[in-house]
Amino acid sequence: MPMFGKRTLFQWFRFAWEREPVIVAAIVVGVLPPFGVVFMPESWREDVMRRQHMVTTRYPVPVRDEGDDTKA
């Protein structure tokens, strides 16, 4: 296990959690969301990707209608 000073990373985490749990929780909540997509179920991941595309796309991409418009 890698050492950070005289303690392991887990020991530092536990030490910080005992002193300031709110700060540790805020850091964890702030760091995990970029990795959250990896741990989501497939259906949730597709929904998130669709929403992100809707947010990042300025104008909706027109869908080509392959139907027969001559009968109209």
PDB file of N, CA and C in Angstrom:
ATOM      1  N   MET A   1       0.854  -1.186   0.000  1.00  0.00           N
ATOM      2  CA  MET A   1       0.000   0.000   0.000  1.00  0.00           C
ATOM      3  C   MET A   1       0.897   1.246   0.000  1.00  0.00           C
ATOM      4  N   PRO A   2       0.580   2.196  -0.864  1.00  0.00           N
ATOM      5  CA  PRO A   2       1.426   3.400  -0.893  1.00  0.00           C
ATOM      6  C   PRO A   2       1.289   4.204   0.395  1.00  0.00           C
ATOM      7  N   MET A   3       2.394   4.763   0.817  1.00  0.00           N
ATOM      8  CA  MET A   3       2.397   5.535   2.058  1.00  0.00           C
ATOM      9  C   MET A   3       2.416   7.020   1.732  1.00  0.00           C
ATOM     10  N   PHE A   4       1.674   7.786   2.502  1.00  0.00           N
ATOM     11  CA  PHE A   4       1.661   9.242   2.393  1.00  0.00           C
ATOM     12  C   PHE A   4       2.166   9.762   3.732  1.00  0.00           C
ATOM     13  N   GLY A   5       3.452  10.066   3.793  1.00  0.00           N
ATOM     14  CA  GLY A   5       4.078  10.358   5.078  1.00  0.00           C
ATOM     15  C   GLY A   5       4.229   9.047   5.824  1.00  0.00           C
ATOM     16  N   LYS A   6       3.746   9.014   7.062  1.00  0.00           N
ATOM     17  CA  LYS A   6       3.826   7.784   7.846  1.00  0.00           C
ATOM     18  C   LYS A   6       2.518   7.008   7.825  1.00  0.00           C
ATOM     19  N   ARG A   7       1.539   7.491   7.080  1.00  0.00           N
ATOM     20  CA  ARG A   7       0.228   6.842   7.059  1.00  0.00           C
ATOM     21  C   ARG A   7      -0.140   6.398   5.646  1.00  0.00           C
ATOM     22  N   THR A   8      -1.022   5.415   5.574  1.00  0.00           N
ATOM     23  CA  THR A   8      -1.567   5.014   4.279  1.00  0.00           C
ATOM     24  C   THR A   8      -2.701   5.970   3.921  1.00  0.00           C
ATOM     25  N   LEU A   9      -3.161   5.899   2.698  1.00  0.00           N
ATOM     26  CA  LEU A   9      -4.251   6.752   2.247  1.00  0.00           C
ATOM     27  C   LEU A   9      -5.518   6.491   3.077  1.00  0.00           C
ATOM     28  N   PHE A  10      -5.777   5.217   3.370  1.00  0.00           N
ATOM     29  CA  PHE A  10      -6.956   4.887   4.177  1.00  0.00           C
ATOM     30  C   PHE A  10      -6.853   5.485   5.582  1.00  0.00           C
ATOM     31  N   GLN A  11      -5.666   5.447   6.181  1.00  0.00           N
ATOM     32  CA  GLN A  11      -5.489   6.035   7.514  1.00  0.00           C
ATOM     33  C   GLN A  11      -5.715   7.538   7.480  1.00  0.00           C
ATOM     34  N   TRP A  12      -5.240   8.211   6.430  1.00  0.00           N
ATOM     35  CA  TRP A  12      -5.490   9.644   6.300  1.00  0.00           C
ATOM     36  C   TRP A  12      -6.980   9.913   6.154  1.00  0.00           C
ATOM     37  N   PHE A  13      -7.665   9.092   5.355  1.00  0.00           N
ATOM     38  CA  PHE A  13      -9.103   9.260   5.150  1.00  0.00           C
ATOM     39  C   PHE A  13      -9.854   9.089   6.471  1.00  0.00           C
ATOM     40  N   ARG A  14      -9.500   8.044   7.216  1.00  0.00           N
ATOM     41  CA  ARG A  14     -10.168   7.804   8.496  1.00  0.00           C
ATOM     42  C   ARG A  14      -9.879   8.917   9.503  1.00  0.00           C
ATOM     43  N   PHE A  15      -8.651   9.395   9.526  1.00  0.00           N
ATOM     44  CA  PHE A  15      -8.256  10.490  10.405  1.00  0.00           C
ATOM     45  C   PHE A  15      -9.062  11.745  10.084  1.00  0.00           C
ATOM     46  N   ALA A  16      -9.162  12.065   8.783  1.00  0.00           N
ATOM     47  CA  ALA A  16      -9.911  13.250   8.380  1.00  0.00           C
ATOM     48  C   ALA A  16     -11.400  13.083   8.655  1.00  0.00           C
ATOM     49  N   TRP A  17     -11.927  11.871   8.445  1.00  0.00           N
ATOM     50  CA  TRP A  17     -13.352  11.610   8.665  1.00  0.00           C
ATOM     51  C   TRP A  17     -13.724  11.803  10.137  1.00  0.00           C
ATOM     52  N   GLU A  18     -12.828  11.401  11.024  1.00  0.00           N
ATOM     53  CA  GLU A  18     -13.101  11.555  12.465  1.00  0.00           C
ATOM     54  C   GLU A  18     -13.085  13.021  12.877  1.00  0.00           C
ATOM     55  N   ARG A  19     -12.263  13.840  12.218  1.00  0.00           N
ATOM     56  CA  ARG A  19     -12.158  15.256  12.586  1.00  0.00           C
ATOM     57  C   ARG A  19     -13.189  16.132  11.890  1.00  0.00           C
ATOM     58  N   GLU A  20     -13.320  15.985  10.569  1.00  0.00           N
ATOM     59  CA  GLU A  20     -14.225  16.847   9.784  1.00  0.00           C
ATOM     60  C   GLU A  20     -15.022  16.023   8.769  1.00  0.00           C
ATOM     61  N   PRO A  21     -16.044  15.313   9.227  1.00  0.00           N
ATOM     62  CA  PRO A  21     -16.804  14.467   8.288  1.00  0.00           C
ATOM     63  C   PRO A  21     -17.515  15.265   7.196  1.00  0.00           C
ATOM     64  N   VAL A  22     -17.938  16.486   7.495  1.00  0.00           N
ATOM     65  CA  VAL A  22     -18.656  17.287   6.498  1.00  0.00           C
ATOM     66  C   VAL A  22     -17.732  17.643   5.331  1.00  0.00           C
ATOM     67  N   ILE A  23     -16.506  18.016   5.644  1.00  0.00           N
ATOM     68  CA  ILE A  23     -15.556  18.379   4.588  1.00  0.00           C
ATOM     69  C   ILE A  23     -15.192  17.150   3.758  1.00  0.00           C
ATOM     70  N   VAL A  24     -14.961  16.027   4.413  1.00  0.00           N
ATOM     71  CA  VAL A  24     -14.629  14.799   3.690  1.00  0.00           C
ATOM     72  C   VAL A  24     -15.797  14.384   2.801  1.00  0.00           C
ATOM     73  N   ALA A  25     -17.015  14.473   3.317  1.00  0.00           N
ATOM     74  CA  ALA A  25     -18.198  14.123   2.520  1.00  0.00           C
ATOM     75  C   ALA A  25     -18.329  15.052   1.317  1.00  0.00           C
ATOM     76  N   ALA A  26     -18.077  16.334   1.515  1.00  0.00           N
ATOM     77  CA  ALA A  26     -18.170  17.294   0.403  1.00  0.00           C
ATOM     78  C   ALA A  26     -17.138  16.981  -0.672  1.00  0.00           C
ATOM     79  N   ILE A  27     -15.934  16.611  -0.259  1.00  0.00           N
ATOM     80  CA  ILE A  27     -14.888  16.269  -1.228  1.00  0.00           C
ATOM     81  C   ILE A  27     -15.279  15.007  -2.002  1.00  0.00           C
ATOM     82  N   VAL A  28     -15.791  14.010  -1.289  1.00  0.00           N
ATOM     83  CA  VAL A  28     -16.195  12.758  -1.945  1.00  0.00           C
ATOM     84  C   VAL A  28     -17.329  13.021  -2.931  1.00  0.00           C
ATOM     85  N   VAL A  29     -18.317  13.808  -2.510  1.00  0.00           N
ATOM     86  CA  VAL A  29     -19.447  14.124  -3.390  1.00  0.00           C
ATOM     87  C   VAL A  29     -18.970  14.936  -4.592  1.00  0.00           C
ATOM     88  N   GLY A  30     -17.992  15.787  -4.406  1.00  0.00           N
ATOM     89  CA  GLY A  30     -17.479  16.594  -5.504  1.00  0.00           C
ATOM     90  C   GLY A  30     -16.609  15.819  -6.475  1.00  0.00           C
ATOM     91  N   VAL A  31     -15.962  14.759  -6.000  1.00  0.00           N
ATOM     92  CA  VAL A  31     -15.025  14.012  -6.845  1.00  0.00           C
ATOM     93  C   VAL A  31     -15.711  12.866  -7.589  1.00  0.00           C
ATOM     94  N   LEU A  32     -16.735  12.248  -6.991  1.00  0.00           N
ATOM     95  CA  LEU A  32     -17.316  11.044  -7.583  1.00  0.00           C
ATOM     96  C   LEU A  32     -18.206  11.238  -8.818  1.00  0.00           C
ATOM     97  N   PRO A  33     -18.957  12.332  -8.963  1.00  0.00           N
ATOM     98  CA  PRO A  33     -19.876  12.403 -10.115  1.00  0.00           C
ATOM     99  C   PRO A  33     -19.263  12.170 -11.493  1.00  0.00           C
ATOM    100  N   PRO A  34     -18.050  12.636 -11.797  1.00  0.00           N
ATOM    101  CA  PRO A  34     -17.511  12.317 -13.124  1.00  0.00           C
ATOM    102  C   PRO A  34     -17.377  10.818 -13.366  1.00  0.00           C
ATOM    103  N   PHE A  35     -17.222  10.051 -12.295  1.00  0.00           N
ATOM    104  CA  PHE A  35     -17.074   8.608 -12.433  1.00  0.00           C
ATOM    105  C   PHE A  35     -18.409   7.896 -12.275  1.00  0.00           C
ATOM    106  N   GLY A  36     -19.454   8.632 -11.939  1.00  0.00           N
ATOM    107  CA  GLY A  36     -20.747   8.015 -11.677  1.00  0.00           C
ATOM    108  C   GLY A  36     -21.366   7.357 -12.884  1.00  0.00           C
ATOM    109  N   VAL A  37     -21.076   7.868 -14.076  1.00  0.00           N
ATOM    110  CA  VAL A  37     -21.659   7.294 -15.283  1.00  0.00           C
ATOM    111  C   VAL A  37     -21.200   5.856 -15.450  1.00  0.00           C
ATOM    112  N   VAL A  38     -19.990   5.563 -15.004  1.00  0.00           N
ATOM    113  CA  VAL A  38     -19.434   4.223 -15.151  1.00  0.00           C
ATOM    114  C   VAL A  38     -20.233   3.211 -14.339  1.00  0.00           C
ATOM    115  N   PHE A  39     -20.740   3.623 -13.178  1.00  0.00           N
ATOM    116  CA  PHE A  39     -21.391   2.696 -12.270  1.00  0.00           C
ATOM    117  C   PHE A  39     -22.916   2.654 -12.430  1.00  0.00           C
ATOM    118  N   MET A  40     -23.450   3.400 -13.388  1.00  0.00           N
ATOM    119  CA  MET A  40     -24.897   3.436 -13.571  1.00  0.00           C
ATOM    120  C   MET A  40     -25.380   2.226 -14.362  1.00  0.00           C
ATOM    121  N   PRO A  41     -26.635   1.827 -14.143  1.00  0.00           N
ATOM    122  CA  PRO A  41     -27.216   0.817 -15.034  1.00  0.00           C
ATOM    123  C   PRO A  41     -27.283   1.349 -16.473  1.00  0.00           C
ATOM    124  N   GLU A  42     -27.327   0.453 -17.428  1.00  0.00           N
ATOM    125  CA  GLU A  42     -27.277   0.839 -18.840  1.00  0.00           C
ATOM    126  C   GLU A  42     -28.408   1.790 -19.223  1.00  0.00           C
ATOM    127  N   SER A  43     -29.606   1.538 -18.720  1.00  0.00           N
ATOM    128  CA  SER A  43     -30.750   2.382 -19.092  1.00  0.00           C
ATOM    129  C   SER A  43     -30.554   3.807 -18.563  1.00  0.00           C
ATOM    130  N   TRP A  44     -30.023   3.943 -17.340  1.00  0.00           N
ATOM    131  CA  TRP A  44     -29.775   5.276 -16.780  1.00  0.00           C
ATOM    132  C   TRP A  44     -28.695   5.986 -17.586  1.00  0.00           C
ATOM    133  N   ARG A  45     -27.657   5.235 -17.976  1.00  0.00           N
ATOM    134  CA  ARG A  45     -26.542   5.817 -18.712  1.00  0.00           C
ATOM    135  C   ARG A  45     -27.033   6.378 -20.044  1.00  0.00           C
ATOM    136  N   GLU A  46     -27.902   5.626 -20.732  1.00  0.00           N
ATOM    137  CA  GLU A  46     -28.434   6.113 -22.006  1.00  0.00           C
ATOM    138  C   GLU A  46     -29.241   7.385 -21.797  1.00  0.00           C
ATOM    139  N   ASP A  47     -30.027   7.431 -20.736  1.00  0.00           N
ATOM    140  CA  ASP A  47     -30.839   8.612 -20.456  1.00  0.00           C
ATOM    141  C   ASP A  47     -29.952   9.823 -20.162  1.00  0.00           C
ATOM    142  N   VAL A  48     -28.891   9.607 -19.387  1.00  0.00           N
ATOM    143  CA  VAL A  48     -27.968  10.698 -19.062  1.00  0.00           C
ATOM    144  C   VAL A  48     -27.287  11.208 -20.327  1.00  0.00           C
ATOM    145  N   MET A  49     -26.841  10.287 -21.176  1.00  0.00           N
ATOM    146  CA  MET A  49     -26.178  10.698 -22.418  1.00  0.00           C
ATOM    147  C   MET A  49     -27.154  11.483 -23.308  1.00  0.00           C
ATOM    148  N   ARG A  50     -28.407  11.038 -23.362  1.00  0.00           N
ATOM    149  CA  ARG A  50     -29.398  11.721 -24.186  1.00  0.00           C
ATOM    150  C   ARG A  50     -29.631  13.128 -23.659  1.00  0.00           C
ATOM    151  N   ARG A  51     -29.748  13.277 -22.333  1.00  0.00           N
ATOM    152  CA  ARG A  51     -29.969  14.597 -21.747  1.00  0.00           C
ATOM    153  C   ARG A  51     -28.764  15.503 -21.967  1.00  0.00           C
ATOM    154  N   GLN A  52     -27.556  14.965 -21.817  1.00  0.00           N
ATOM    155  CA  GLN A  52     -26.366  15.772 -22.042  1.00  0.00           C
ATOM    156  C   GLN A  52     -26.307  16.234 -23.492  1.00  0.00           C
ATOM    157  N   HIS A  53     -26.706  15.366 -24.422  1.00  0.00           N
ATOM    158  CA  HIS A  53     -26.701  15.754 -25.836  1.00  0.00           C
ATOM    159  C   HIS A  53     -27.720  16.863 -26.073  1.00  0.00           C
ATOM    160  N   MET A  54     -28.893  16.760 -25.421  1.00  0.00           N
ATOM    161  CA  MET A  54     -29.912  17.783 -25.592  1.00  0.00           C
ATOM    162  C   MET A  54     -29.423  19.118 -25.039  1.00  0.00           C
ATOM    163  N   VAL A  55     -28.668  19.068 -23.952  1.00  0.00           N
ATOM    164  CA  VAL A  55     -28.173  20.302 -23.341  1.00  0.00           C
ATOM    165  C   VAL A  55     -27.052  20.907 -24.176  1.00  0.00           C
ATOM    166  N   THR A  56     -26.164  20.052 -24.693  1.00  0.00           N
ATOM    167  CA  THR A  56     -24.996  20.571 -25.400  1.00  0.00           C
ATOM    168  C   THR A  56     -25.287  20.896 -26.857  1.00  0.00           C
ATOM    169  N   THR A  57     -26.376  20.359 -27.410  1.00  0.00           N
ATOM    170  CA  THR A  57     -26.726  20.644 -28.796  1.00  0.00           C
ATOM    171  C   THR A  57     -27.557  21.918 -28.824  1.00  0.00           C
ATOM    172  N   ARG A  58     -27.089  22.880 -29.581  1.00  0.00           N
ATOM    173  CA  ARG A  58     -27.772  24.167 -29.584  1.00  0.00           C
ATOM    174  C   ARG A  58     -29.118  24.084 -30.299  1.00  0.00           C
ATOM    175  N   TYR A  59     -29.132  23.439 -31.451  1.00  0.00           N
ATOM    176  CA  TYR A  59     -30.367  23.289 -32.212  1.00  0.00           C
ATOM    177  C   TYR A  59     -30.620  21.803 -32.434  1.00  0.00           C
ATOM    178  N   PRO A  60     -31.861  21.384 -32.390  1.00  0.00           N
ATOM    179  CA  PRO A  60     -32.119  19.960 -32.643  1.00  0.00           C
ATOM    180  C   PRO A  60     -31.746  19.586 -34.077  1.00  0.00           C
ATOM    181  N   VAL A  61     -31.189  18.421 -34.239  1.00  0.00           N
ATOM    182  CA  VAL A  61     -30.799  17.961 -35.563  1.00  0.00           C
ATOM    183  C   VAL A  61     -32.057  17.484 -36.278  1.00  0.00           C
ATOM    184  N   PRO A  62     -32.363  18.021 -37.472  1.00  0.00           N
ATOM    185  CA  PRO A  62     -33.581  17.593 -38.162  1.00  0.00           C
ATOM    186  C   PRO A  62     -33.495  16.127 -38.585  1.00  0.00           C
ATOM    187  N   VAL A  63     -34.611  15.441 -38.467  1.00  0.00           N
ATOM    188  CA  VAL A  63     -34.673  14.035 -38.846  1.00  0.00           C
ATOM    189  C   VAL A  63     -35.232  13.956 -40.255  1.00  0.00           C
ATOM    190  N   ARG A  64     -34.551  13.230 -41.120  1.00  0.00           N
ATOM    191  CA  ARG A  64     -35.029  13.099 -42.502  1.00  0.00           C
ATOM    192  C   ARG A  64     -36.240  12.191 -42.535  1.00  0.00           C
ATOM    193  N   ASP A  65     -37.275  12.645 -43.210  1.00  0.00           N
ATOM    194  CA  ASP A  65     -38.485  11.841 -43.352  1.00  0.00           C
ATOM    195  C   ASP A  65     -38.370  11.055 -44.637  1.00  0.00           C
ATOM    196  N   GLU A  66     -38.323   9.745 -44.507  1.00  0.00           N
ATOM    197  CA  GLU A  66     -38.165   8.889 -45.681  1.00  0.00           C
ATOM    198  C   GLU A  66     -39.508   8.501 -46.280  1.00  0.00           C
ATOM    199  N   GLY A  67     -40.619   9.047 -45.730  1.00  0.00           N
ATOM    200  CA  GLY A  67     -41.950   8.697 -46.232  1.00  0.00           C
ATOM    201  C   GLY A  67     -42.230   9.310 -47.596  1.00  0.00           C
ATOM    202  N   ASP A  68     -43.313   8.900 -48.186  1.00  0.00           N
ATOM    203  CA  ASP A  68     -43.707   9.392 -49.508  1.00  0.00           C
ATOM    204  C   ASP A  68     -44.585  10.622 -49.331  1.00  0.00           C
ATOM    205  N   ASP A  69     -44.072  11.787 -49.682  1.00  0.00           N
ATOM    206  CA  ASP A  69     -44.825  13.031 -49.507  1.00  0.00           C
ATOM    207  C   ASP A  69     -45.646  13.404 -50.743  1.00  0.00           C
ATOM    208  N   THR A  70     -45.596  12.596 -51.778  1.00  0.00           N
ATOM    209  CA  THR A  70     -46.290  12.965 -53.011  1.00  0.00           C
ATOM    210  C   THR A  70     -47.799  12.791 -52.898  1.00  0.00           C
ATOM    211  N   LYS A  71     -48.291  12.026 -51.931  1.00  0.00           N
ATOM    212  CA  LYS A  71     -49.731  11.763 -51.807  1.00  0.00           C
ATOM    213  C   LYS A  71     -50.437  12.855 -51.013  1.00  0.00           C
ATOM    214  N   ALA A  72     -49.709  13.793 -50.468  1.00  0.00           N
ATOM    215  CA  ALA A  72     -50.319  14.801 -49.603  1.00  0.00           C
ATOM    216  C   ALA A  72     -51.202  15.776 -50.310  1.00  0.00           C
TER     217      ALA A  72
END
